Amino acid sequence: MSDRPLDILEAALDSEVTVALKDGTERVGDLAGYDQHMNLVLQAGEDTTIIRGDNVVTIQP
């Protein structure tokens, strides 16, 4: 596997991730999608959250 961020996101698709945001909060959910700007779509139960890539500090499996 490559060390490029988008390759790592590709490998994490449909897996649970924890996303730390610039405001100090964290979001947990299954990574349902992403784009080249690292905007993320998290699915947590019935809820879907879209996170703008500019707000992401870290993504952990």
PDB file of N, CA and C in Angstrom:
ATOM      1  N   MET A   1       0.847  -1.184   0.000  1.00  0.00           N
ATOM      2  CA  MET A   1       0.000   0.000   0.000  1.00  0.00           C
ATOM      3  C   MET A   1       0.887   1.240   0.000  1.00  0.00           C
ATOM      4  N   SER A   2       0.447   2.253  -0.682  1.00  0.00           N
ATOM      5  CA  SER A   2       1.159   3.515  -0.774  1.00  0.00           C
ATOM      6  C   SER A   2       0.921   4.360   0.474  1.00  0.00           C
ATOM      7  N   ASP A   3       1.781   5.353   0.682  1.00  0.00           N
ATOM      8  CA  ASP A   3       1.638   6.247   1.823  1.00  0.00           C
ATOM      9  C   ASP A   3       0.847   7.500   1.489  1.00  0.00           C
ATOM     10  N   ARG A   4       0.276   7.579   0.309  1.00  0.00           N
ATOM     11  CA  ARG A   4      -0.501   8.760  -0.059  1.00  0.00           C
ATOM     12  C   ARG A   4      -1.798   8.789   0.738  1.00  0.00           C
ATOM     13  N   PRO A   5      -2.185   9.980   1.238  1.00  0.00           N
ATOM     14  CA  PRO A   5      -3.402  10.071   2.066  1.00  0.00           C
ATOM     15  C   PRO A   5      -4.656   9.504   1.398  1.00  0.00           C
ATOM     16  N   LEU A   6      -4.842   9.761   0.111  1.00  0.00           N
ATOM     17  CA  LEU A   6      -6.058   9.263  -0.543  1.00  0.00           C
ATOM     18  C   LEU A   6      -6.052   7.742  -0.668  1.00  0.00           C
ATOM     19  N   ASP A   7      -4.869   7.134  -0.788  1.00  0.00           N
ATOM     20  CA  ASP A   7      -4.785   5.672  -0.813  1.00  0.00           C
ATOM     21  C   ASP A   7      -5.165   5.088   0.539  1.00  0.00           C
ATOM     22  N   ILE A   8      -4.769   5.777   1.610  1.00  0.00           N
ATOM     23  CA  ILE A   8      -5.107   5.318   2.953  1.00  0.00           C
ATOM     24  C   ILE A   8      -6.614   5.436   3.174  1.00  0.00           C
ATOM     25  N   LEU A   9      -7.208   6.528   2.700  1.00  0.00           N
ATOM     26  CA  LEU A   9      -8.668   6.673   2.805  1.00  0.00           C
ATOM     27  C   LEU A   9      -9.384   5.599   2.003  1.00  0.00           C
ATOM     28  N   GLU A  10      -8.870   5.277   0.841  1.00  0.00           N
ATOM     29  CA  GLU A  10      -9.471   4.225   0.015  1.00  0.00           C
ATOM     30  C   GLU A  10      -9.494   2.898   0.775  1.00  0.00           C
ATOM     31  N   ALA A  11      -8.399   2.588   1.465  1.00  0.00           N
ATOM     32  CA  ALA A  11      -8.311   1.342   2.229  1.00  0.00           C
ATOM     33  C   ALA A  11      -9.262   1.351   3.428  1.00  0.00           C
ATOM     34  N   ALA A  12      -9.608   2.550   3.929  1.00  0.00           N
ATOM     35  CA  ALA A  12     -10.472   2.666   5.111  1.00  0.00           C
ATOM     36  C   ALA A  12     -11.962   2.731   4.761  1.00  0.00           C
ATOM     37  N   LEU A  13     -12.306   2.767   3.478  1.00  0.00           N
ATOM     38  CA  LEU A  13     -13.717   2.832   3.087  1.00  0.00           C
ATOM     39  C   LEU A  13     -14.504   1.698   3.730  1.00  0.00           C
ATOM     40  N   ASP A  14     -15.705   2.023   4.195  1.00  0.00           N
ATOM     41  CA  ASP A  14     -16.625   1.076   4.825  1.00  0.00           C
ATOM     42  C   ASP A  14     -16.109   0.524   6.154  1.00  0.00           C
ATOM     43  N   SER A  15     -15.090   1.156   6.721  1.00  0.00           N
ATOM     44  CA  SER A  15     -14.574   0.779   8.033  1.00  0.00           C
ATOM     45  C   SER A  15     -14.852   1.911   9.015  1.00  0.00           C
ATOM     46  N   GLU A  16     -14.904   1.566  10.299  1.00  0.00           N
ATOM     47  CA  GLU A  16     -15.122   2.595  11.306  1.00  0.00           C
ATOM     48  C   GLU A  16     -13.850   3.417  11.504  1.00  0.00           C
ATOM     49  N   VAL A  17     -14.002   4.732  11.520  1.00  0.00           N
ATOM     50  CA  VAL A  17     -12.890   5.645  11.739  1.00  0.00           C
ATOM     51  C   VAL A  17     -13.292   6.684  12.785  1.00  0.00           C
ATOM     52  N   THR A  18     -12.280   7.267  13.418  1.00  0.00           N
ATOM     53  CA  THR A  18     -12.466   8.386  14.322  1.00  0.00           C
ATOM     54  C   THR A  18     -11.790   9.586  13.691  1.00  0.00           C
ATOM     55  N   VAL A  19     -12.540  10.656  13.515  1.00  0.00           N
ATOM     56  CA  VAL A  19     -12.031  11.869  12.873  1.00  0.00           C
ATOM     57  C   VAL A  19     -11.941  12.968  13.924  1.00  0.00           C
ATOM     58  N   ALA A  20     -10.727  13.472  14.150  1.00  0.00           N
ATOM     59  CA  ALA A  20     -10.523  14.604  15.061  1.00  0.00           C
ATOM     60  C   ALA A  20     -10.610  15.887  14.247  1.00  0.00           C
ATOM     61  N   LEU A  21     -11.360  16.849  14.770  1.00  0.00           N
ATOM     62  CA  LEU A  21     -11.592  18.107  14.064  1.00  0.00           C
ATOM     63  C   LEU A  21     -10.847  19.267  14.724  1.00  0.00           C
ATOM     64  N   LYS A  22     -10.654  20.334  13.971  1.00  0.00           N
ATOM     65  CA  LYS A  22      -9.945  21.514  14.461  1.00  0.00           C
ATOM     66  C   LYS A  22     -10.575  22.119  15.710  1.00  0.00           C
ATOM     67  N   ASP A  23     -11.878  21.976  15.880  1.00  0.00           N
ATOM     68  CA  ASP A  23     -12.542  22.571  17.043  1.00  0.00           C
ATOM     69  C   ASP A  23     -12.388  21.711  18.306  1.00  0.00           C
ATOM     70  N   GLY A  24     -11.629  20.622  18.214  1.00  0.00           N
ATOM     71  CA  GLY A  24     -11.365  19.771  19.364  1.00  0.00           C
ATOM     72  C   GLY A  24     -12.336  18.619  19.540  1.00  0.00           C
ATOM     73  N   THR A  25     -13.360  18.535  18.701  1.00  0.00           N
ATOM     74  CA  THR A  25     -14.323  17.445  18.795  1.00  0.00           C
ATOM     75  C   THR A  25     -13.872  16.261  17.940  1.00  0.00           C
ATOM     76  N   GLU A  26     -14.516  15.129  18.174  1.00  0.00           N
ATOM     77  CA  GLU A  26     -14.265  13.933  17.370  1.00  0.00           C
ATOM     78  C   GLU A  26     -15.581  13.399  16.840  1.00  0.00           C
ATOM     79  N   ARG A  27     -15.538  12.821  15.667  1.00  0.00           N
ATOM     80  CA  ARG A  27     -16.690  12.152  15.081  1.00  0.00           C
ATOM     81  C   ARG A  27     -16.285  10.716  14.788  1.00  0.00           C
ATOM     82  N   VAL A  28     -17.184   9.778  15.092  1.00  0.00           N
ATOM     83  CA  VAL A  28     -16.929   8.363  14.854  1.00  0.00           C
ATOM     84  C   VAL A  28     -18.017   7.835  13.929  1.00  0.00           C
ATOM     85  N   GLY A  29     -17.616   7.065  12.937  1.00  0.00           N
ATOM     86  CA  GLY A  29     -18.578   6.458  12.027  1.00  0.00           C
ATOM     87  C   GLY A  29     -17.860   5.669  10.954  1.00  0.00           C
ATOM     88  N   ASP A  30     -18.636   5.019  10.115  1.00  0.00           N
ATOM     89  CA  ASP A  30     -18.072   4.285   8.985  1.00  0.00           C
ATOM     90  C   ASP A  30     -17.781   5.270   7.860  1.00  0.00           C
ATOM     91  N   LEU A  31     -16.581   5.200   7.306  1.00  0.00           N
ATOM     92  CA  LEU A  31     -16.208   6.077   6.198  1.00  0.00           C
ATOM     93  C   LEU A  31     -16.949   5.616   4.947  1.00  0.00           C
ATOM     94  N   ALA A  32     -17.947   6.389   4.556  1.00  0.00           N
ATOM     95  CA  ALA A  32     -18.786   6.025   3.411  1.00  0.00           C
ATOM     96  C   ALA A  32     -18.284   6.627   2.108  1.00  0.00           C
ATOM     97  N   GLY A  33     -17.449   7.674   2.196  1.00  0.00           N
ATOM     98  CA  GLY A  33     -16.935   8.298   0.985  1.00  0.00           C
ATOM     99  C   GLY A  33     -15.997   9.444   1.303  1.00  0.00           C
ATOM    100  N   TYR A  34     -15.312   9.896   0.263  1.00  0.00           N
ATOM    101  CA  TYR A  34     -14.377  11.013   0.375  1.00  0.00           C
ATOM    102  C   TYR A  34     -14.129  11.552  -1.032  1.00  0.00           C
ATOM    103  N   ASP A  35     -13.483  12.721  -1.114  1.00  0.00           N
ATOM    104  CA  ASP A  35     -13.104  13.241  -2.419  1.00  0.00           C
ATOM    105  C   ASP A  35     -11.654  13.718  -2.390  1.00  0.00           C
ATOM    106  N   GLN A  36     -11.188  14.297  -3.485  1.00  0.00           N
ATOM    107  CA  GLN A  36      -9.784  14.700  -3.600  1.00  0.00           C
ATOM    108  C   GLN A  36      -9.400  15.815  -2.631  1.00  0.00           C
ATOM    109  N   HIS A  37     -10.387  16.504  -2.050  1.00  0.00           N
ATOM    110  CA  HIS A  37     -10.134  17.563  -1.073  1.00  0.00           C
ATOM    111  C   HIS A  37     -10.177  17.024   0.352  1.00  0.00           C
ATOM    112  N   MET A  38     -10.310  15.720   0.479  1.00  0.00           N
ATOM    113  CA  MET A  38     -10.423  15.012   1.754  1.00  0.00           C
ATOM    114  C   MET A  38     -11.690  15.398   2.516  1.00  0.00           C
ATOM    115  N   ASN A  39     -12.724  15.855   1.789  1.00  0.00           N
ATOM    116  CA  ASN A  39     -14.047  15.968   2.397  1.00  0.00           C
ATOM    117  C   ASN A  39     -14.510  14.545   2.659  1.00  0.00           C
ATOM    118  N   LEU A  40     -15.109  14.319   3.823  1.00  0.00           N
ATOM    119  CA  LEU A  40     -15.462  12.964   4.238  1.00  0.00           C
ATOM    120  C   LEU A  40     -16.959  12.809   4.416  1.00  0.00           C
ATOM    121  N   VAL A  41     -17.450  11.609   4.162  1.00  0.00           N
ATOM    122  CA  VAL A  41     -18.833  11.247   4.466  1.00  0.00           C
ATOM    123  C   VAL A  41     -18.771  10.110   5.473  1.00  0.00           C
ATOM    124  N   LEU A  42     -19.313  10.369   6.679  1.00  0.00           N
ATOM    125  CA  LEU A  42     -19.362   9.352   7.731  1.00  0.00           C
ATOM    126  C   LEU A  42     -20.798   8.896   7.916  1.00  0.00           C
ATOM    127  N   GLN A  43     -20.971   7.605   8.073  1.00  0.00           N
ATOM    128  CA  GLN A  43     -22.276   7.012   8.327  1.00  0.00           C
ATOM    129  C   GLN A  43     -22.249   6.431   9.735  1.00  0.00           C
ATOM    130  N   ALA A  44     -23.115   6.943  10.605  1.00  0.00           N
ATOM    131  CA  ALA A  44     -23.214   6.447  11.977  1.00  0.00           C
ATOM    132  C   ALA A  44     -24.676   6.100  12.233  1.00  0.00           C
ATOM    133  N   GLY A  45     -24.994   4.825  12.131  1.00  0.00           N
ATOM    134  CA  GLY A  45     -26.389   4.403  12.280  1.00  0.00           C
ATOM    135  C   GLY A  45     -27.234   5.017  11.179  1.00  0.00           C
ATOM    136  N   GLU A  46     -28.283   5.726  11.558  1.00  0.00           N
ATOM    137  CA  GLU A  46     -29.179   6.372  10.597  1.00  0.00           C
ATOM    138  C   GLU A  46     -28.658   7.734  10.144  1.00  0.00           C
ATOM    139  N   ASP A  47     -27.631   8.249  10.835  1.00  0.00           N
ATOM    140  CA  ASP A  47     -27.126   9.593  10.559  1.00  0.00           C
ATOM    141  C   ASP A  47     -25.979   9.573   9.559  1.00  0.00           C
ATOM    142  N   THR A  48     -25.986  10.539   8.653  1.00  0.00           N
ATOM    143  CA  THR A  48     -24.886  10.751   7.725  1.00  0.00           C
ATOM    144  C   THR A  48     -24.326  12.135   7.976  1.00  0.00           C
ATOM    145  N   THR A  49     -23.002  12.207   8.102  1.00  0.00           N
ATOM    146  CA  THR A  49     -22.341  13.475   8.347  1.00  0.00           C
ATOM    147  C   THR A  49     -21.329  13.734   7.248  1.00  0.00           C
ATOM    148  N   ILE A  50     -21.339  14.948   6.722  1.00  0.00           N
ATOM    149  CA  ILE A  50     -20.338  15.363   5.748  1.00  0.00           C
ATOM    150  C   ILE A  50     -19.386  16.310   6.462  1.00  0.00           C
ATOM    151  N   ILE A  51     -18.104  16.005   6.398  1.00  0.00           N
ATOM    152  CA  ILE A  51     -17.086  16.810   7.071  1.00  0.00           C
ATOM    153  C   ILE A  51     -16.176  17.425   6.019  1.00  0.00           C
ATOM    154  N   ARG A  52     -16.079  18.730   6.064  1.00  0.00           N
ATOM    155  CA  ARG A  52     -15.210  19.442   5.132  1.00  0.00           C
ATOM    156  C   ARG A  52     -13.758  19.128   5.466  1.00  0.00           C
ATOM    157  N   GLY A  53     -12.961  18.805   4.462  1.00  0.00           N
ATOM    158  CA  GLY A  53     -11.572  18.411   4.635  1.00  0.00           C
ATOM    159  C   GLY A  53     -10.732  19.440   5.374  1.00  0.00           C
ATOM    160  N   ASP A  54     -11.050  20.731   5.225  1.00  0.00           N
ATOM    161  CA  ASP A  54     -10.307  21.793   5.905  1.00  0.00           C
ATOM    162  C   ASP A  54     -10.393  21.697   7.410  1.00  0.00           C
ATOM    163  N   ASN A  55     -11.416  21.015   7.937  1.00  0.00           N
ATOM    164  CA  ASN A  55     -11.616  20.911   9.373  1.00  0.00           C
ATOM    165  C   ASN A  55     -10.984  19.670   9.993  1.00  0.00           C
ATOM    166  N   VAL A  56     -10.455  18.767   9.183  1.00  0.00           N
ATOM    167  CA  VAL A  56      -9.921  17.505   9.672  1.00  0.00           C
ATOM    168  C   VAL A  56      -8.482  17.677  10.155  1.00  0.00           C
ATOM    169  N   VAL A  57      -8.233  17.180  11.378  1.00  0.00           N
ATOM    170  CA  VAL A  57      -6.869  17.159  11.917  1.00  0.00           C
ATOM    171  C   VAL A  57      -6.266  15.768  11.735  1.00  0.00           C
ATOM    172  N   THR A  58      -6.979  14.725  12.203  1.00  0.00           N
ATOM    173  CA  THR A  58      -6.509  13.353  12.044  1.00  0.00           C
ATOM    174  C   THR A  58      -7.670  12.415  11.744  1.00  0.00           C
ATOM    175  N   ILE A  59      -7.327  11.299  11.119  1.00  0.00           N
ATOM    176  CA  ILE A  59      -8.286  10.217  10.879  1.00  0.00           C
ATOM    177  C   ILE A  59      -7.624   8.943  11.370  1.00  0.00           C
ATOM    178  N   GLN A  60      -8.293   8.250  12.306  1.00  0.00           N
ATOM    179  CA  GLN A  60      -7.733   7.025  12.860  1.00  0.00           C
ATOM    180  C   GLN A  60      -8.691   5.866  12.653  1.00  0.00           C
ATOM    181  N   PRO A  61      -8.136   4.685  12.336  1.00  0.00           N
ATOM    182  CA  PRO A  61      -8.995   3.512  12.189  1.00  0.00           C
ATOM    183  C   PRO A  61      -9.562   3.058  13.528  1.00  0.00           C
TER     184      PRO A  61
END
